[in-house]
Amino acid sequence: MSLKTIPALYKYMTTDRFMSNVKSGSIRFTQPKYLNDPYECHLTFDRFAYIADYRNYRKQAQPGISDEELDKAVAIAEDQLIIDGLLQYRERRDSFGVLSLSEDPRNMLMWSHYGDEHQGVCVEMDIWDSALRPDSNGGDKYSGFEQVQYTSNKVIGIPTPQTIVEVLSTKAKEWAYEKEWRLIRTINTLRFAGENDIYVCDFSISDIKTIYLGANFPGEKLKEVKEVTSSPEGKHIKVIKLDIAPHKFELRETPAEEYGMKLLHREHHFGEASNEALVCLPMDSDLTQS
């Protein structure tokens, strides 16, 4: 898939996780067995196709074998073939790592589930960076962006690398709100972090384009974010503060440097009721943005 067809993509995370990634200069690619949905990343194994492949293989290897002898050989080998196929599926599936990203930095459910209950950050990544997305070699190394498909049916097939990639980019319809894209890489293109089966790839602050601060982002964490954006590599980064719209179920964007003035304005007018005014009382500026 051409990168030109891929939209801007964002990573939701806690502020502590973000700062850890920045300090280490790396980001984790999660193996399928560690993803949070136990119903995904499972192939519906097509045993009949798998046995048929074995039958064709035996026939080519022994051109003179009769159909009766072939049927008998396949029947004897069937159980072990299925076991071998399932183990091959598990091995191939776990040879991949996944970096999950979203098209939408303002999704309220995503903020609740992955953005530390609106206290974390959502980071726009530079998906053109070759460190994040190296070229595939067409052999045992794979790297590619895949748009997640949401469906009621699991992928049916046998454990080929192509089928595994399809499995890793297919999820139940209930997850459609995530608008997810996955950067999928074989772990042999990643760096082993040295513990707990964790694989990472290197990235730099220059790969960050925008940082969204959650609606409940704690003020004491702002200093850490400013350290990133004031560094020589991070001066280009935009910082956007999200807040709760007072008249709609949506999140509003305010440039971080303007958000402080918004708070001071509400505090000046509404005193000890300023927090409630921020989320409950529409101002003219809120209505004109509708």
Protein backbone atom coordinates (compact mmCIF):
# COMPACT_ATOMS: atom_id res chain seq x y z
CA MET A 1 0.00 0.00 0.00
CA SER A 2 1.40 3.42 -0.97
CA LEU A 3 2.16 5.79 1.87
CA LYS A 4 0.35 8.49 -0.14
CA THR A 5 -2.96 6.82 0.72
CA ILE A 6 -2.26 6.81 4.47
CA PRO A 7 -3.70 9.67 6.56
CA ALA A 8 -2.02 11.38 9.49
CA LEU A 9 -1.72 8.80 12.27
CA TYR A 10 -1.63 9.14 16.04
CA LYS A 11 -0.49 7.13 19.05
CA TYR A 12 -2.46 7.36 22.30
CA MET A 13 -0.47 6.74 25.50
CA THR A 14 0.05 7.77 29.09
CA THR A 15 2.34 10.73 29.69
CA ASP A 16 4.78 8.51 31.58
CA ARG A 17 4.94 6.09 28.67
CA PHE A 18 5.50 8.95 26.26
CA MET A 19 8.34 10.38 28.33
CA SER A 20 9.86 6.91 28.66
CA ASN A 21 9.79 6.52 24.86
CA VAL A 22 11.39 9.93 24.39
CA LYS A 23 14.15 9.26 26.93
CA SER A 24 14.93 5.81 25.54
CA GLY A 25 14.58 6.93 21.92
CA SER A 26 12.49 3.85 21.17
CA ILE A 27 8.91 2.66 20.83
CA ARG A 28 7.49 -0.81 21.38
CA PHE A 29 6.04 -3.11 18.73
CA THR A 30 3.71 -5.51 20.54
CA GLN A 31 3.63 -9.18 19.62
CA PRO A 32 0.10 -10.47 18.90
CA LYS A 33 -0.06 -12.67 22.01
CA TYR A 34 0.25 -9.54 24.18
CA LEU A 35 -2.49 -7.46 22.51
CA ASN A 36 -5.46 -6.52 24.70
CA ASP A 37 -8.22 -8.29 22.73
CA PRO A 38 -8.07 -12.09 23.23
CA TYR A 39 -10.43 -12.61 20.27
CA GLU A 40 -8.15 -11.13 17.62
CA CYS A 41 -5.07 -12.45 15.82
CA HIS A 42 -6.54 -15.95 15.49
CA LEU A 43 -6.63 -17.65 12.12
CA THR A 44 -9.60 -19.88 11.31
CA PHE A 45 -7.48 -22.82 10.25
CA ASP A 46 -8.54 -24.34 6.91
CA ARG A 47 -7.60 -27.95 7.60
CA PHE A 48 -8.97 -29.18 4.28
CA ALA A 49 -6.81 -26.78 2.27
CA TYR A 50 -3.81 -27.69 4.41
CA ILE A 51 -4.34 -31.43 3.85
CA ALA A 52 -4.90 -30.82 0.14
CA ASP A 53 -1.55 -29.04 -0.06
CA TYR A 54 0.12 -32.01 1.59
CA ARG A 55 -1.64 -34.42 -0.75
CA ASN A 56 -0.39 -32.49 -3.80
CA TYR A 57 3.10 -32.42 -2.33
CA ARG A 58 3.14 -36.22 -1.85
CA LYS A 59 1.81 -36.80 -5.33
CA GLN A 60 4.54 -34.64 -6.89
CA ALA A 61 7.22 -36.28 -4.72
CA GLN A 62 5.98 -39.78 -5.66
CA PRO A 63 4.56 -39.57 -9.18
CA GLY A 64 3.88 -43.30 -9.33
CA ILE A 65 1.84 -43.52 -6.13
CA SER A 66 -1.72 -44.79 -6.58
CA ASP A 67 -4.75 -42.84 -5.32
CA GLU A 68 -5.44 -45.62 -2.81
CA GLU A 69 -1.90 -45.49 -1.41
CA LEU A 70 -2.04 -41.70 -1.37
CA ASP A 71 -5.35 -41.69 0.54
CA LYS A 72 -3.86 -44.08 3.09
CA ALA A 73 -0.68 -41.99 3.51
CA VAL A 74 -2.68 -38.79 3.99
CA ALA A 75 -5.01 -40.43 6.53
CA ILE A 76 -2.06 -41.68 8.58
CA ALA A 77 -0.34 -38.30 8.53
CA GLU A 78 -3.44 -36.08 9.03
CA ASP A 79 -3.39 -35.56 12.80
CA GLN A 80 0.32 -34.75 12.90
CA LEU A 81 -0.07 -32.46 9.89
CA ILE A 82 -2.74 -30.45 11.71
CA ILE A 83 -0.56 -30.22 14.82
CA ASP A 84 2.41 -29.09 12.73
CA GLY A 85 0.23 -26.54 10.92
CA LEU A 86 -1.14 -25.03 14.13
CA LEU A 87 2.34 -24.78 15.63
CA GLN A 88 3.59 -23.21 12.42
CA TYR A 89 0.77 -20.64 12.66
CA ARG A 90 1.72 -19.78 16.25
CA GLU A 91 5.41 -19.45 15.36
CA ARG A 92 4.74 -17.25 12.36
CA ARG A 93 2.20 -15.07 14.19
CA ASP A 94 4.61 -14.46 17.05
CA SER A 95 7.37 -13.50 14.63
CA PHE A 96 5.54 -10.20 14.04
CA GLY A 97 5.23 -7.04 16.11
CA VAL A 98 2.46 -4.44 15.86
CA LEU A 99 2.46 -0.67 16.40
CA SER A 100 -1.18 0.45 16.68
CA LEU A 101 -2.08 3.95 15.48
CA SER A 102 -5.35 5.81 14.91
CA GLU A 103 -6.66 8.27 12.33
CA ASP A 104 -8.50 10.25 15.02
CA PRO A 105 -6.76 12.23 17.80
CA ARG A 106 -10.06 13.41 19.30
CA ASN A 107 -11.93 10.15 19.85
CA MET A 108 -13.38 10.21 23.36
CA LEU A 109 -13.38 6.42 23.75
CA MET A 110 -9.76 6.18 22.63
CA TRP A 111 -8.82 8.81 25.19
CA SER A 112 -10.63 6.87 27.91
CA HIS A 113 -9.18 3.48 26.95
CA TYR A 114 -5.62 4.32 25.87
CA GLY A 115 -5.00 7.95 26.87
CA ASP A 116 -5.00 7.38 30.64
CA GLU A 117 -8.63 8.49 31.03
CA HIS A 118 -7.94 11.78 29.22
CA GLN A 119 -4.87 12.48 31.38
CA GLY A 120 -2.31 11.32 28.82
CA VAL A 121 -1.19 12.39 25.37
CA CYS A 122 -1.86 11.55 21.75
CA VAL A 123 1.16 11.91 19.49
CA GLU A 124 1.17 12.45 15.74
CA MET A 125 4.03 10.39 14.33
CA ASP A 126 6.05 11.02 11.18
CA ILE A 127 5.09 7.86 9.31
CA TRP A 128 7.54 8.67 6.51
CA ASP A 129 10.51 7.99 8.77
CA SER A 130 12.49 5.03 7.45
CA ALA A 131 13.47 4.07 11.03
CA LEU A 132 9.80 3.35 11.75
CA ARG A 133 9.07 1.79 8.40
CA PRO A 134 12.09 0.19 6.72
CA ASP A 135 11.72 -1.42 3.33
CA SER A 136 10.71 -5.07 3.20
CA ASN A 137 13.10 -7.42 1.46
CA GLY A 138 10.40 -9.75 0.15
CA GLY A 139 11.99 -12.63 2.06
CA ASP A 140 11.93 -13.27 5.78
CA LYS A 141 11.69 -9.58 6.67
CA TYR A 142 8.42 -7.67 6.44
CA SER A 143 7.40 -4.09 7.18
CA GLY A 144 4.15 -2.45 6.12
CA PHE A 145 1.22 -0.25 7.09
CA GLU A 146 -2.13 -2.02 7.08
CA GLN A 147 -5.53 -0.42 7.57
CA VAL A 148 -7.49 -2.56 10.01
CA GLN A 149 -10.61 -4.17 8.53
CA TYR A 150 -13.60 -4.58 10.85
CA THR A 151 -15.82 -7.58 10.21
CA SER A 152 -17.90 -10.34 11.79
CA ASN A 153 -15.85 -13.13 10.23
CA LYS A 154 -12.32 -14.21 11.03
CA VAL A 155 -9.76 -14.82 8.31
CA ILE A 156 -9.86 -18.37 6.97
CA GLY A 157 -6.75 -19.95 5.53
CA ILE A 158 -3.45 -21.66 6.14
CA PRO A 159 -0.47 -20.10 7.96
CA THR A 160 1.38 -18.31 5.18
CA PRO A 161 3.12 -14.99 5.95
CA GLN A 162 0.57 -13.15 3.77
CA THR A 163 -2.34 -14.74 5.65
CA ILE A 164 -0.80 -13.85 9.02
CA VAL A 165 -0.55 -10.17 7.99
CA GLU A 166 -4.23 -10.31 7.01
CA VAL A 167 -5.07 -11.86 10.39
CA LEU A 168 -3.14 -9.12 12.21
CA SER A 169 -5.08 -6.41 10.39
CA THR A 170 -8.60 -7.83 10.91
CA LYS A 171 -10.70 -7.11 14.01
CA ALA A 172 -14.30 -7.42 15.20
CA LYS A 173 -16.79 -4.70 14.22
CA GLU A 174 -17.02 -3.56 17.84
CA TRP A 175 -13.53 -2.01 17.48
CA ALA A 176 -14.38 0.11 14.43
CA TYR A 177 -14.43 3.32 16.46
CA GLU A 178 -10.64 3.05 16.80
CA LYS A 179 -10.09 3.80 13.07
CA GLU A 180 -6.90 1.84 13.47
CA TRP A 181 -3.91 1.42 11.23
CA ARG A 182 -1.15 -0.99 12.12
CA LEU A 183 2.50 -0.80 11.30
CA ILE A 184 3.38 -4.49 11.18
CA ARG A 185 7.00 -5.64 11.22
CA THR A 186 8.72 -8.95 11.67
CA ILE A 187 10.63 -8.91 14.94
CA ASN A 188 13.86 -9.62 13.07
CA THR A 189 13.64 -5.98 11.89
CA LEU A 190 13.32 -4.75 15.50
CA ARG A 191 15.64 -4.51 18.49
CA PHE A 192 15.19 -6.82 21.46
CA ALA A 193 14.88 -4.66 24.56
CA GLY A 194 16.54 -7.30 26.72
CA GLU A 195 13.62 -8.30 28.90
CA ASN A 196 10.05 -9.60 28.94
CA ASP A 197 9.88 -10.45 25.24
CA ILE A 198 9.81 -6.73 24.33
CA TYR A 199 10.89 -5.56 20.88
CA VAL A 200 11.34 -1.90 19.94
CA CYS A 201 12.46 0.30 17.10
CA ASP A 202 14.42 3.52 17.43
CA PHE A 203 12.83 6.89 16.84
CA SER A 204 13.77 10.47 17.63
CA ILE A 205 11.98 13.57 18.87
CA SER A 206 12.17 14.87 15.30
CA ASP A 207 9.69 12.12 14.34
CA ILE A 208 7.00 13.78 16.50
CA LYS A 209 4.81 16.29 14.66
CA THR A 210 2.06 17.15 17.16
CA ILE A 211 1.35 16.40 20.82
CA TYR A 212 -2.27 16.49 21.96
CA LEU A 213 -2.77 16.91 25.71
CA GLY A 214 -5.84 15.19 27.15
CA ALA A 215 -8.81 17.07 28.56
CA ASN A 216 -7.75 16.06 32.09
CA PHE A 217 -4.03 16.48 31.48
CA PRO A 218 -2.44 17.31 34.87
CA GLY A 219 -0.72 20.69 35.00
CA GLU A 220 2.29 19.30 36.87
CA LYS A 221 3.15 17.15 33.84
CA LEU A 222 3.35 20.12 31.48
CA LYS A 223 6.97 20.83 32.39
CA GLU A 224 8.01 17.42 31.03
CA VAL A 225 6.27 18.05 27.72
CA LYS A 226 7.82 21.51 27.44
CA GLU A 227 11.26 20.00 27.91
CA VAL A 228 10.62 17.93 24.79
CA THR A 229 9.23 20.78 22.69
CA SER A 230 11.93 23.26 23.74
CA SER A 231 14.79 20.94 22.80
CA PRO A 232 16.62 21.65 19.53
CA GLU A 233 15.05 18.55 17.93
CA GLY A 234 11.55 19.35 19.20
CA LYS A 235 11.03 23.03 18.46
CA HIS A 236 8.90 22.17 15.42
CA ILE A 237 6.35 20.21 17.50
CA LYS A 238 2.87 21.67 17.85
CA VAL A 239 1.18 21.25 21.23
CA ILE A 240 -2.63 21.15 21.27
CA LYS A 241 -4.72 21.13 24.44
CA LEU A 242 -8.02 19.28 24.22
CA ASP A 243 -10.93 20.25 26.40
CA ILE A 244 -14.54 19.24 26.84
CA ALA A 245 -17.04 21.18 24.74
CA PRO A 246 -19.69 22.70 27.04
CA HIS A 247 -22.60 22.09 24.64
CA LYS A 248 -21.68 18.99 22.61
CA PHE A 249 -20.30 15.51 23.23
CA GLU A 250 -16.96 16.29 21.61
CA LEU A 251 -13.43 17.41 22.37
CA ARG A 252 -12.25 20.87 21.34
CA GLU A 253 -8.75 21.85 20.26
CA THR A 254 -6.95 24.89 21.63
CA PRO A 255 -3.28 25.72 20.96
CA ALA A 256 -1.53 25.12 24.28
CA GLU A 257 -0.23 28.71 24.51
CA GLU A 258 -3.83 30.00 24.30
CA TYR A 259 -5.34 27.53 26.75
CA GLY A 260 -3.91 29.26 29.80
CA MET A 261 -5.65 32.48 28.78
CA LYS A 262 -8.92 30.58 28.40
CA LEU A 263 -8.58 29.28 31.95
CA LEU A 264 -7.72 32.72 33.33
CA HIS A 265 -10.73 34.21 31.53
CA ARG A 266 -13.11 31.70 33.12
CA GLU A 267 -11.51 32.11 36.54
CA HIS A 268 -11.78 35.90 36.30
CA HIS A 269 -15.48 35.77 35.49
CA PHE A 270 -16.66 32.77 37.49
CA GLY A 271 -14.27 32.39 40.41
CA GLU A 272 -14.71 29.16 42.34
CA ALA A 273 -17.23 27.98 39.73
CA SER A 274 -14.67 28.28 36.91
CA ASN A 275 -14.21 24.50 36.47
CA GLU A 276 -17.95 24.01 36.06
CA ALA A 277 -18.10 27.03 33.73
CA LEU A 278 -15.43 25.47 31.53
CA VAL A 279 -17.42 22.29 30.87
CA CYS A 280 -21.02 23.43 31.42
CA LEU A 281 -21.37 27.04 30.31
CA PRO A 282 -21.13 27.82 26.57
CA MET A 283 -19.48 31.11 25.71
CA ASP A 284 -19.90 33.00 22.45
CA SER A 285 -16.60 31.56 21.21
CA ASP A 286 -17.89 28.02 21.79
CA LEU A 287 -21.05 28.62 19.80
CA THR A 288 -19.29 30.29 16.88
CA GLN A 289 -17.03 27.23 16.52
CA SER A 290 -20.01 24.91 16.05
